[in-house]
Amino acid sequence: MIHAVFERQNGRLCGFRMTGHAGYADAGQDIVCAAVTSAVQYATIMITEQFHEPCTERADEQGDENLVTVRLTSPEKGQAAAVLEGLCMHLSILSEDFPGMIAIKIHQI
């Protein structure tokens, strides 16, 4: 299962942490993992390359687990928080289409 944990501060999303694999199909054939990976890459590119919002980002592979974290440096400014809202909504729709593959939590910080 993919675990997506978003963080909200002062009413705006300010980052996320994503781990795991969907387990929908074998590695390289898993359309759920591919959809999530593509969405995360797109959101990160929009934040860093289009809006030039300062953030920290990290992508690691730890054994069988993938880990991606993105945290906005100034979430109260700019459009990056809206990109994170869109990512969260997109993952929510995917989780409805593929039950049991993606778990989403939103933490207030």
PDB file of N, CA and C in Angstrom:
ATOM      1  N   MET A   1       0.838  -1.182   0.000  1.00  0.00           N
ATOM      2  CA  MET A   1       0.000   0.000   0.000  1.00  0.00           C
ATOM      3  C   MET A   1       0.883   1.246   0.000  1.00  0.00           C
ATOM      4  N   ILE A   2       0.438   2.260  -0.720  1.00  0.00           N
ATOM      5  CA  ILE A   2       1.109   3.551  -0.713  1.00  0.00           C
ATOM      6  C   ILE A   2       0.519   4.362   0.431  1.00  0.00           C
ATOM      7  N   HIS A   3       1.400   4.944   1.237  1.00  0.00           N
ATOM      8  CA  HIS A   3       0.975   5.793   2.359  1.00  0.00           C
ATOM      9  C   HIS A   3       1.377   7.226   2.047  1.00  0.00           C
ATOM     10  N   ALA A   4       0.386   8.097   1.932  1.00  0.00           N
ATOM     11  CA  ALA A   4       0.624   9.517   1.666  1.00  0.00           C
ATOM     12  C   ALA A   4       0.189  10.300   2.896  1.00  0.00           C
ATOM     13  N   VAL A   5       1.125  11.022   3.495  1.00  0.00           N
ATOM     14  CA  VAL A   5       0.822  11.850   4.657  1.00  0.00           C
ATOM     15  C   VAL A   5       1.098  13.298   4.265  1.00  0.00           C
ATOM     16  N   PHE A   6       0.041  14.096   4.241  1.00  0.00           N
ATOM     17  CA  PHE A   6       0.164  15.511   3.930  1.00  0.00           C
ATOM     18  C   PHE A   6       0.161  16.293   5.238  1.00  0.00           C
ATOM     19  N   GLU A   7       0.832  17.429   5.232  1.00  0.00           N
ATOM     20  CA  GLU A   7       0.865  18.306   6.401  1.00  0.00           C
ATOM     21  C   GLU A   7       0.188  19.618   6.057  1.00  0.00           C
ATOM     22  N   ARG A   8      -0.643  20.091   6.984  1.00  0.00           N
ATOM     23  CA  ARG A   8      -1.365  21.343   6.800  1.00  0.00           C
ATOM     24  C   ARG A   8      -0.970  22.288   7.938  1.00  0.00           C
ATOM     25  N   GLN A   9      -0.659  23.522   7.558  1.00  0.00           N
ATOM     26  CA  GLN A   9      -0.278  24.535   8.537  1.00  0.00           C
ATOM     27  C   GLN A   9      -1.024  25.822   8.194  1.00  0.00           C
ATOM     28  N   ASN A  10      -1.723  26.366   9.176  1.00  0.00           N
ATOM     29  CA  ASN A  10      -2.487  27.605   8.967  1.00  0.00           C
ATOM     30  C   ASN A  10      -3.426  27.508   7.769  1.00  0.00           C
ATOM     31  N   GLY A  11      -4.057  26.362   7.626  1.00  0.00           N
ATOM     32  CA  GLY A  11      -5.049  26.172   6.581  1.00  0.00           C
ATOM     33  C   GLY A  11      -4.506  25.816   5.209  1.00  0.00           C
ATOM     34  N   ARG A  12      -3.186  25.749   5.067  1.00  0.00           N
ATOM     35  CA  ARG A  12      -2.593  25.459   3.754  1.00  0.00           C
ATOM     36  C   ARG A  12      -1.719  24.214   3.842  1.00  0.00           C
ATOM     37  N   LEU A  13      -1.777  23.389   2.800  1.00  0.00           N
ATOM     38  CA  LEU A  13      -0.860  22.258   2.756  1.00  0.00           C
ATOM     39  C   LEU A  13       0.552  22.789   2.606  1.00  0.00           C
ATOM     40  N   CYS A  14       1.477  22.167   3.339  1.00  0.00           N
ATOM     41  CA  CYS A  14       2.861  22.668   3.329  1.00  0.00           C
ATOM     42  C   CYS A  14       3.867  21.574   3.018  1.00  0.00           C
ATOM     43  N   GLY A  15       3.413  20.333   2.827  1.00  0.00           N
ATOM     44  CA  GLY A  15       4.336  19.275   2.486  1.00  0.00           C
ATOM     45  C   GLY A  15       3.664  17.916   2.501  1.00  0.00           C
ATOM     46  N   PHE A  16       4.447  16.911   2.115  1.00  0.00           N
ATOM     47  CA  PHE A  16       3.944  15.539   2.156  1.00  0.00           C
ATOM     48  C   PHE A  16       5.102  14.573   2.294  1.00  0.00           C
ATOM     49  N   ARG A  17       4.737  13.376   2.727  1.00  0.00           N
ATOM     50  CA  ARG A  17       5.664  12.244   2.830  1.00  0.00           C
ATOM     51  C   ARG A  17       4.946  11.059   2.216  1.00  0.00           C
ATOM     52  N   MET A  18       5.593  10.379   1.283  1.00  0.00           N
ATOM     53  CA  MET A  18       4.976   9.255   0.612  1.00  0.00           C
ATOM     54  C   MET A  18       5.899   8.048   0.666  1.00  0.00           C
ATOM     55  N   THR A  19       5.344   6.900   1.032  1.00  0.00           N
ATOM     56  CA  THR A  19       6.120   5.666   1.101  1.00  0.00           C
ATOM     57  C   THR A  19       5.291   4.514   0.559  1.00  0.00           C
ATOM     58  N   GLY A  20       5.995   3.437   0.219  1.00  0.00           N
ATOM     59  CA  GLY A  20       5.338   2.181  -0.102  1.00  0.00           C
ATOM     60  C   GLY A  20       5.128   1.920  -1.581  1.00  0.00           C
ATOM     61  N   HIS A  21       4.449   0.821  -1.830  1.00  0.00           N
ATOM     62  CA  HIS A  21       4.082   0.372  -3.172  1.00  0.00           C
ATOM     63  C   HIS A  21       2.612  -0.023  -3.139  1.00  0.00           C
ATOM     64  N   ALA A  22       1.924   0.189  -4.236  1.00  0.00           N
ATOM     65  CA  ALA A  22       0.500  -0.126  -4.281  1.00  0.00           C
ATOM     66  C   ALA A  22       0.244  -1.625  -4.175  1.00  0.00           C
ATOM     67  N   GLY A  23       1.054  -2.416  -4.852  1.00  0.00           N
ATOM     68  CA  GLY A  23       0.818  -3.854  -4.847  1.00  0.00           C
ATOM     69  C   GLY A  23      -0.300  -4.276  -5.783  1.00  0.00           C
ATOM     70  N   TYR A  24      -0.650  -3.418  -6.722  1.00  0.00           N
ATOM     71  CA  TYR A  24      -1.711  -3.732  -7.673  1.00  0.00           C
ATOM     72  C   TYR A  24      -1.253  -4.782  -8.679  1.00  0.00           C
ATOM     73  N   ALA A  25       0.024  -4.705  -9.053  1.00  0.00           N
ATOM     74  CA  ALA A  25       0.604  -5.648 -10.021  1.00  0.00           C
ATOM     75  C   ALA A  25       2.101  -5.760  -9.733  1.00  0.00           C
ATOM     76  N   ASP A  26       2.780  -6.610 -10.478  1.00  0.00           N
ATOM     77  CA  ASP A  26       4.223  -6.767 -10.317  1.00  0.00           C
ATOM     78  C   ASP A  26       4.942  -5.455 -10.620  1.00  0.00           C
ATOM     79  N   ALA A  27       6.128  -5.310 -10.038  1.00  0.00           N
ATOM     80  CA  ALA A  27       6.951  -4.133 -10.299  1.00  0.00           C
ATOM     81  C   ALA A  27       7.142  -3.959 -11.797  1.00  0.00           C
ATOM     82  N   GLY A  28       7.008  -2.725 -12.243  1.00  0.00           N
ATOM     83  CA  GLY A  28       7.120  -2.436 -13.665  1.00  0.00           C
ATOM     84  C   GLY A  28       5.809  -2.560 -14.414  1.00  0.00           C
ATOM     85  N   GLN A  29       4.807  -3.172 -13.791  1.00  0.00           N
ATOM     86  CA  GLN A  29       3.494  -3.347 -14.409  1.00  0.00           C
ATOM     87  C   GLN A  29       2.388  -2.678 -13.593  1.00  0.00           C
ATOM     88  N   ASP A  30       2.743  -2.077 -12.479  1.00  0.00           N
ATOM     89  CA  ASP A  30       1.765  -1.548 -11.527  1.00  0.00           C
ATOM     90  C   ASP A  30       1.299  -0.158 -11.956  1.00  0.00           C
ATOM     91  N   ILE A  31       0.083  -0.076 -12.495  1.00  0.00           N
ATOM     92  CA  ILE A  31      -0.424   1.198 -12.999  1.00  0.00           C
ATOM     93  C   ILE A  31      -0.733   2.181 -11.874  1.00  0.00           C
ATOM     94  N   VAL A  32      -1.044   1.678 -10.688  1.00  0.00           N
ATOM     95  CA  VAL A  32      -1.316   2.572  -9.566  1.00  0.00           C
ATOM     96  C   VAL A  32      -0.019   3.253  -9.125  1.00  0.00           C
ATOM     97  N   CYS A  33       1.048   2.481  -8.983  1.00  0.00           N
ATOM     98  CA  CYS A  33       2.351   3.071  -8.639  1.00  0.00           C
ATOM     99  C   CYS A  33       2.786   4.070  -9.711  1.00  0.00           C
ATOM    100  N   ALA A  34       2.571   3.721 -10.961  1.00  0.00           N
ATOM    101  CA  ALA A  34       2.956   4.620 -12.054  1.00  0.00           C
ATOM    102  C   ALA A  34       2.173   5.921 -11.993  1.00  0.00           C
ATOM    103  N   ALA A  35       0.886   5.838 -11.709  1.00  0.00           N
ATOM    104  CA  ALA A  35       0.058   7.042 -11.626  1.00  0.00           C
ATOM    105  C   ALA A  35       0.496   7.933 -10.468  1.00  0.00           C
ATOM    106  N   VAL A  36       0.771   7.329  -9.324  1.00  0.00           N
ATOM    107  CA  VAL A  36       1.200   8.101  -8.154  1.00  0.00           C
ATOM    108  C   VAL A  36       2.574   8.724  -8.406  1.00  0.00           C
ATOM    109  N   THR A  37       3.493   7.949  -8.948  1.00  0.00           N
ATOM    110  CA  THR A  37       4.833   8.465  -9.240  1.00  0.00           C
ATOM    111  C   THR A  37       4.757   9.643 -10.193  1.00  0.00           C
ATOM    112  N   SER A  38       3.979   9.512 -11.245  1.00  0.00           N
ATOM    113  CA  SER A  38       3.837  10.583 -12.218  1.00  0.00           C
ATOM    114  C   SER A  38       3.241  11.836 -11.575  1.00  0.00           C
ATOM    115  N   ALA A  39       2.226  11.669 -10.746  1.00  0.00           N
ATOM    116  CA  ALA A  39       1.589  12.810 -10.088  1.00  0.00           C
ATOM    117  C   ALA A  39       2.556  13.519  -9.142  1.00  0.00           C
ATOM    118  N   VAL A  40       3.341  12.747  -8.397  1.00  0.00           N
ATOM    119  CA  VAL A  40       4.317  13.336  -7.468  1.00  0.00           C
ATOM    120  C   VAL A  40       5.397  14.081  -8.244  1.00  0.00           C
ATOM    121  N   GLN A  41       5.888  13.486  -9.313  1.00  0.00           N
ATOM    122  CA  GLN A  41       6.900  14.163 -10.125  1.00  0.00           C
ATOM    123  C   GLN A  41       6.348  15.450 -10.729  1.00  0.00           C
ATOM    124  N   TYR A  42       5.143  15.401 -11.245  1.00  0.00           N
ATOM    125  CA  TYR A  42       4.519  16.584 -11.834  1.00  0.00           C
ATOM    126  C   TYR A  42       4.373  17.694 -10.785  1.00  0.00           C
ATOM    127  N   ALA A  43       3.846  17.355  -9.619  1.00  0.00           N
ATOM    128  CA  ALA A  43       3.660  18.350  -8.560  1.00  0.00           C
ATOM    129  C   ALA A  43       4.992  18.971  -8.148  1.00  0.00           C
ATOM    130  N   THR A  44       6.016  18.148  -7.996  1.00  0.00           N
ATOM    131  CA  THR A  44       7.328  18.646  -7.597  1.00  0.00           C
ATOM    132  C   THR A  44       7.919  19.556  -8.664  1.00  0.00           C
ATOM    133  N   ILE A  45       7.770  19.183  -9.922  1.00  0.00           N
ATOM    134  CA  ILE A  45       8.262  20.028 -11.014  1.00  0.00           C
ATOM    135  C   ILE A  45       7.511  21.361 -11.045  1.00  0.00           C
ATOM    136  N   MET A  46       6.200  21.335 -10.865  1.00  0.00           N
ATOM    137  CA  MET A  46       5.434  22.589 -10.850  1.00  0.00           C
ATOM    138  C   MET A  46       5.921  23.502  -9.726  1.00  0.00           C
ATOM    139  N   ILE A  47       6.124  22.926  -8.540  1.00  0.00           N
ATOM    140  CA  ILE A  47       6.554  23.727  -7.399  1.00  0.00           C
ATOM    141  C   ILE A  47       7.940  24.317  -7.631  1.00  0.00           C
ATOM    142  N   THR A  48       8.877  23.488  -8.073  1.00  0.00           N
ATOM    143  CA  THR A  48      10.272  23.932  -8.152  1.00  0.00           C
ATOM    144  C   THR A  48      10.620  24.649  -9.453  1.00  0.00           C
ATOM    145  N   GLU A  49      10.116  24.174 -10.573  1.00  0.00           N
ATOM    146  CA  GLU A  49      10.537  24.704 -11.869  1.00  0.00           C
ATOM    147  C   GLU A  49       9.605  25.768 -12.445  1.00  0.00           C
ATOM    148  N   GLN A  50       8.321  25.656 -12.191  1.00  0.00           N
ATOM    149  CA  GLN A  50       7.383  26.635 -12.736  1.00  0.00           C
ATOM    150  C   GLN A  50       7.149  27.802 -11.779  1.00  0.00           C
ATOM    151  N   PHE A  51       6.905  27.480 -10.499  1.00  0.00           N
ATOM    152  CA  PHE A  51       6.621  28.525  -9.528  1.00  0.00           C
ATOM    153  C   PHE A  51       7.863  28.974  -8.758  1.00  0.00           C
ATOM    154  N   HIS A  52       8.950  28.239  -8.899  1.00  0.00           N
ATOM    155  CA  HIS A  52      10.215  28.561  -8.227  1.00  0.00           C
ATOM    156  C   HIS A  52      10.030  28.779  -6.728  1.00  0.00           C
ATOM    157  N   GLU A  53       9.211  27.938  -6.131  1.00  0.00           N
ATOM    158  CA  GLU A  53       8.960  28.021  -4.690  1.00  0.00           C
ATOM    159  C   GLU A  53      10.069  27.289  -3.950  1.00  0.00           C
ATOM    160  N   PRO A  54      10.591  27.887  -2.908  1.00  0.00           N
ATOM    161  CA  PRO A  54      11.620  27.195  -2.139  1.00  0.00           C
ATOM    162  C   PRO A  54      11.015  26.028  -1.356  1.00  0.00           C
ATOM    163  N   CYS A  55      11.696  24.896  -1.425  1.00  0.00           N
ATOM    164  CA  CYS A  55      11.236  23.718  -0.692  1.00  0.00           C
ATOM    165  C   CYS A  55      12.419  22.776  -0.490  1.00  0.00           C
ATOM    166  N   THR A  56      12.213  21.828   0.396  1.00  0.00           N
ATOM    167  CA  THR A  56      13.168  20.733   0.531  1.00  0.00           C
ATOM    168  C   THR A  56      12.500  19.513  -0.082  1.00  0.00           C
ATOM    169  N   GLU A  57      13.280  18.732  -0.777  1.00  0.00           N
ATOM    170  CA  GLU A  57      12.744  17.515  -1.376  1.00  0.00           C
ATOM    171  C   GLU A  57      13.758  16.398  -1.213  1.00  0.00           C
ATOM    172  N   ARG A  58      13.236  15.210  -1.040  1.00  0.00           N
ATOM    173  CA  ARG A  58      14.097  14.056  -0.829  1.00  0.00           C
ATOM    174  C   ARG A  58      13.421  12.830  -1.419  1.00  0.00           C
ATOM    175  N   ALA A  59      14.190  12.033  -2.124  1.00  0.00           N
ATOM    176  CA  ALA A  59      13.692  10.770  -2.660  1.00  0.00           C
ATOM    177  C   ALA A  59      14.727   9.703  -2.356  1.00  0.00           C
ATOM    178  N   ASP A  60      14.299   8.649  -1.680  1.00  0.00           N
ATOM    179  CA  ASP A  60      15.191   7.562  -1.288  1.00  0.00           C
ATOM    180  C   ASP A  60      14.523   6.233  -1.564  1.00  0.00           C
ATOM    181  N   GLU A  61      15.343   5.260  -1.783  1.00  0.00           N
ATOM    182  CA  GLU A  61      14.863   3.889  -1.845  1.00  0.00           C
ATOM    183  C   GLU A  61      15.485   3.172  -0.665  1.00  0.00           C
ATOM    184  N   GLN A  62      14.641   2.683   0.225  1.00  0.00           N
ATOM    185  CA  GLN A  62      15.101   2.006   1.430  1.00  0.00           C
ATOM    186  C   GLN A  62      14.627   0.560   1.387  1.00  0.00           C
ATOM    187  N   GLY A  63      15.488  -0.307   0.898  1.00  0.00           N
ATOM    188  CA  GLY A  63      15.093  -1.708   0.737  1.00  0.00           C
ATOM    189  C   GLY A  63      14.004  -1.804  -0.307  1.00  0.00           C
ATOM    190  N   ASP A  64      12.874  -2.359   0.080  1.00  0.00           N
ATOM    191  CA  ASP A  64      11.739  -2.483  -0.828  1.00  0.00           C
ATOM    192  C   ASP A  64      10.840  -1.255  -0.809  1.00  0.00           C
ATOM    193  N   GLU A  65      11.154  -0.288   0.021  1.00  0.00           N
ATOM    194  CA  GLU A  65      10.298   0.880   0.184  1.00  0.00           C
ATOM    195  C   GLU A  65      10.873   2.105  -0.515  1.00  0.00           C
ATOM    196  N   ASN A  66      10.019   2.847  -1.170  1.00  0.00           N
ATOM    197  CA  ASN A  66      10.380   4.149  -1.712  1.00  0.00           C
ATOM    198  C   ASN A  66       9.915   5.202  -0.719  1.00  0.00           C
ATOM    199  N   LEU A  67      10.652   6.290  -0.629  1.00  0.00           N
ATOM    200  CA  LEU A  67      10.296   7.389   0.257  1.00  0.00           C
ATOM    201  C   LEU A  67      10.500   8.687  -0.501  1.00  0.00           C
ATOM    202  N   VAL A  68       9.467   9.513  -0.535  1.00  0.00           N
ATOM    203  CA  VAL A  68       9.553  10.837  -1.138  1.00  0.00           C
ATOM    204  C   VAL A  68       8.982  11.828  -0.132  1.00  0.00           C
ATOM    205  N   THR A  69       9.731  12.895   0.130  1.00  0.00           N
ATOM    206  CA  THR A  69       9.226  13.967   0.981  1.00  0.00           C
ATOM    207  C   THR A  69       9.449  15.302   0.283  1.00  0.00           C
ATOM    208  N   VAL A  70       8.479  16.165   0.427  1.00  0.00           N
ATOM    209  CA  VAL A  70       8.569  17.541  -0.060  1.00  0.00           C
ATOM    210  C   VAL A  70       7.990  18.419   1.031  1.00  0.00           C
ATOM    211  N   ARG A  71       8.711  19.484   1.365  1.00  0.00           N
ATOM    212  CA  ARG A  71       8.222  20.433   2.360  1.00  0.00           C
ATOM    213  C   ARG A  71       8.488  21.844   1.847  1.00  0.00           C
ATOM    214  N   LEU A  72       7.435  22.655   1.800  1.00  0.00           N
ATOM    215  CA  LEU A  72       7.567  24.038   1.362  1.00  0.00           C
ATOM    216  C   LEU A  72       8.267  24.853   2.436  1.00  0.00           C
ATOM    217  N   THR A  73       9.172  25.713   2.016  1.00  0.00           N
ATOM    218  CA  THR A  73       9.883  26.573   2.955  1.00  0.00           C
ATOM    219  C   THR A  73       8.991  27.719   3.417  1.00  0.00           C
ATOM    220  N   SER A  74       8.176  28.248   2.505  1.00  0.00           N
ATOM    221  CA  SER A  74       7.270  29.369   2.819  1.00  0.00           C
ATOM    222  C   SER A  74       5.863  29.042   2.318  1.00  0.00           C
ATOM    223  N   PRO A  75       5.146  28.146   3.017  1.00  0.00           N
ATOM    224  CA  PRO A  75       3.845  27.698   2.503  1.00  0.00           C
ATOM    225  C   PRO A  75       2.789  28.797   2.467  1.00  0.00           C
ATOM    226  N   GLU A  76       3.009  29.869   3.202  1.00  0.00           N
ATOM    227  CA  GLU A  76       2.021  30.949   3.229  1.00  0.00           C
ATOM    228  C   GLU A  76       2.082  31.823   1.979  1.00  0.00           C
ATOM    229  N   LYS A  77       3.100  31.634   1.167  1.00  0.00           N
ATOM    230  CA  LYS A  77       3.287  32.445  -0.035  1.00  0.00           C
ATOM    231  C   LYS A  77       3.081  31.593  -1.290  1.00  0.00           C
ATOM    232  N   GLY A  78       2.774  32.250  -2.382  1.00  0.00           N
ATOM    233  CA  GLY A  78       2.794  31.607  -3.686  1.00  0.00           C
ATOM    234  C   GLY A  78       1.695  30.589  -3.921  1.00  0.00           C
ATOM    235  N   GLN A  79       1.888  29.821  -4.992  1.00  0.00           N
ATOM    236  CA  GLN A  79       0.880  28.884  -5.472  1.00  0.00           C
ATOM    237  C   GLN A  79       1.207  27.424  -5.179  1.00  0.00           C
ATOM    238  N   ALA A  80       2.322  27.173  -4.527  1.00  0.00           N
ATOM    239  CA  ALA A  80       2.743  25.786  -4.301  1.00  0.00           C
ATOM    240  C   ALA A  80       1.754  25.023  -3.431  1.00  0.00           C
ATOM    241  N   ALA A  81       1.142  25.683  -2.458  1.00  0.00           N
ATOM    242  CA  ALA A  81       0.161  24.996  -1.608  1.00  0.00           C
ATOM    243  C   ALA A  81      -1.014  24.495  -2.441  1.00  0.00           C
ATOM    244  N   ALA A  82      -1.393  25.253  -3.468  1.00  0.00           N
ATOM    245  CA  ALA A  82      -2.488  24.822  -4.350  1.00  0.00           C
ATOM    246  C   ALA A  82      -2.084  23.589  -5.150  1.00  0.00           C
ATOM    247  N   VAL A  83      -0.822  23.512  -5.531  1.00  0.00           N
ATOM    248  CA  VAL A  83      -0.333  22.317  -6.232  1.00  0.00           C
ATOM    249  C   VAL A  83      -0.447  21.104  -5.304  1.00  0.00           C
ATOM    250  N   LEU A  84      -0.085  21.279  -4.046  1.00  0.00           N
ATOM    251  CA  LEU A  84      -0.198  20.167  -3.085  1.00  0.00           C
ATOM    252  C   LEU A  84      -1.656  19.780  -2.866  1.00  0.00           C
ATOM    253  N   GLU A  85      -2.567  20.761  -2.851  1.00  0.00           N
ATOM    254  CA  GLU A  85      -4.002  20.447  -2.733  1.00  0.00           C
ATOM    255  C   GLU A  85      -4.443  19.604  -3.926  1.00  0.00           C
ATOM    256  N   GLY A  86      -3.992  19.986  -5.119  1.00  0.00           N
ATOM    257  CA  GLY A  86      -4.335  19.221  -6.315  1.00  0.00           C
ATOM    258  C   GLY A  86      -3.791  17.806  -6.258  1.00  0.00           C
ATOM    259  N   LEU A  87      -2.556  17.648  -5.782  1.00  0.00           N
ATOM    260  CA  LEU A  87      -1.967  16.316  -5.635  1.00  0.00           C
ATOM    261  C   LEU A  87      -2.780  15.478  -4.660  1.00  0.00           C
ATOM    262  N   CYS A  88      -3.150  16.061  -3.547  1.00  0.00           N
ATOM    263  CA  CYS A  88      -3.939  15.340  -2.547  1.00  0.00           C
ATOM    264  C   CYS A  88      -5.290  14.908  -3.124  1.00  0.00           C
ATOM    265  N   MET A  89      -5.948  15.797  -3.862  1.00  0.00           N
ATOM    266  CA  MET A  89      -7.233  15.450  -4.484  1.00  0.00           C
ATOM    267  C   MET A  89      -7.065  14.353  -5.526  1.00  0.00           C
ATOM    268  N   HIS A  90      -5.998  14.444  -6.311  1.00  0.00           N
ATOM    269  CA  HIS A  90      -5.733  13.432  -7.333  1.00  0.00           C
ATOM    270  C   HIS A  90      -5.529  12.058  -6.687  1.00  0.00           C
ATOM    271  N   LEU A  91      -4.732  12.014  -5.630  1.00  0.00           N
ATOM    272  CA  LEU A  91      -4.504  10.740  -4.935  1.00  0.00           C
ATOM    273  C   LEU A  91      -5.785  10.215  -4.306  1.00  0.00           C
ATOM    274  N   SER A  92      -6.632  11.110  -3.832  1.00  0.00           N
ATOM    275  CA  SER A  92      -7.910  10.700  -3.256  1.00  0.00           C
ATOM    276  C   SER A  92      -8.795  10.027  -4.304  1.00  0.00           C
ATOM    277  N   ILE A  93      -8.818  10.586  -5.496  1.00  0.00           N
ATOM    278  CA  ILE A  93      -9.595   9.987  -6.591  1.00  0.00           C
ATOM    279  C   ILE A  93      -9.018   8.617  -6.961  1.00  0.00           C
ATOM    280  N   LEU A  94      -7.687   8.540  -7.051  1.00  0.00           N
ATOM    281  CA  LEU A  94      -7.054   7.246  -7.336  1.00  0.00           C
ATOM    282  C   LEU A  94      -7.391   6.216  -6.259  1.00  0.00           C
ATOM    283  N   SER A  95      -7.407   6.654  -5.000  1.00  0.00           N
ATOM    284  CA  SER A  95      -7.699   5.705  -3.913  1.00  0.00           C
ATOM    285  C   SER A  95      -9.138   5.201  -3.987  1.00  0.00           C
ATOM    286  N   GLU A  96     -10.040   6.012  -4.513  1.00  0.00           N
ATOM    287  CA  GLU A  96     -11.419   5.561  -4.715  1.00  0.00           C
ATOM    288  C   GLU A  96     -11.501   4.580  -5.890  1.00  0.00           C
ATOM    289  N   ASP A  97     -10.728   4.852  -6.928  1.00  0.00           N
ATOM    290  CA  ASP A  97     -10.741   3.982  -8.108  1.00  0.00           C
ATOM    291  C   ASP A  97     -10.048   2.643  -7.852  1.00  0.00           C
ATOM    292  N   PHE A  98      -9.069   2.659  -6.949  1.00  0.00           N
ATOM    293  CA  PHE A  98      -8.292   1.452  -6.623  1.00  0.00           C
ATOM    294  C   PHE A  98      -8.282   1.261  -5.109  1.00  0.00           C
ATOM    295  N   PRO A  99      -9.395   0.784  -4.546  1.00  0.00           N
ATOM    296  CA  PRO A  99      -9.506   0.645  -3.085  1.00  0.00           C
ATOM    297  C   PRO A  99      -8.398  -0.238  -2.500  1.00  0.00           C
ATOM    298  N   GLY A 100      -7.894   0.189  -1.349  1.00  0.00           N
ATOM    299  CA  GLY A 100      -6.880  -0.581  -0.639  1.00  0.00           C
ATOM    300  C   GLY A 100      -5.470  -0.399  -1.154  1.00  0.00           C
ATOM    301  N   MET A 101      -5.285   0.478  -2.136  1.00  0.00           N
ATOM    302  CA  MET A 101      -3.952   0.674  -2.722  1.00  0.00           C
ATOM    303  C   MET A 101      -3.245   1.921  -2.182  1.00  0.00           C
ATOM    304  N   ILE A 102      -4.033   2.944  -1.780  1.00  0.00           N
ATOM    305  CA  ILE A 102      -3.466   4.222  -1.338  1.00  0.00           C
ATOM    306  C   ILE A 102      -4.180   4.662  -0.069  1.00  0.00           C
ATOM    307  N   ALA A 103      -3.397   4.963   0.964  1.00  0.00           N
ATOM    308  CA  ALA A 103      -3.943   5.513   2.213  1.00  0.00           C
ATOM    309  C   ALA A 103      -3.460   6.957   2.340  1.00  0.00           C
ATOM    310  N   ILE A 104      -4.397   7.866   2.590  1.00  0.00           N
ATOM    311  CA  ILE A 104      -4.080   9.293   2.684  1.00  0.00           C
ATOM    312  C   ILE A 104      -4.453   9.804   4.063  1.00  0.00           C
ATOM    313  N   LYS A 105      -3.522  10.528   4.665  1.00  0.00           N
ATOM    314  CA  LYS A 105      -3.782  11.195   5.941  1.00  0.00           C
ATOM    315  C   LYS A 105      -3.348  12.644   5.804  1.00  0.00           C
ATOM    316  N   ILE A 106      -4.032  13.508   6.535  1.00  0.00           N
ATOM    317  CA  ILE A 106      -3.647  14.921   6.589  1.00  0.00           C
ATOM    318  C   ILE A 106      -3.446  15.280   8.050  1.00  0.00           C
ATOM    319  N   HIS A 107      -2.254  15.742   8.374  1.00  0.00           N
ATOM    320  CA  HIS A 107      -1.902  16.127   9.739  1.00  0.00           C
ATOM    321  C   HIS A 107      -1.842  17.643   9.844  1.00  0.00           C
ATOM    322  N   GLN A 108      -2.407  18.174  10.902  1.00  0.00           N
ATOM    323  CA  GLN A 108      -2.280  19.588  11.214  1.00  0.00           C
ATOM    324  C   GLN A 108      -0.979  19.773  12.000  1.00  0.00           C
ATOM    325  N   ILE A 109      -0.177  20.718  11.570  1.00  0.00           N
ATOM    326  CA  ILE A 109       1.058  20.981  12.333  1.00  0.00           C
ATOM    327  C   ILE A 109       1.084  22.432  12.793  1.00  0.00           C
TER     328      ILE A 109
END
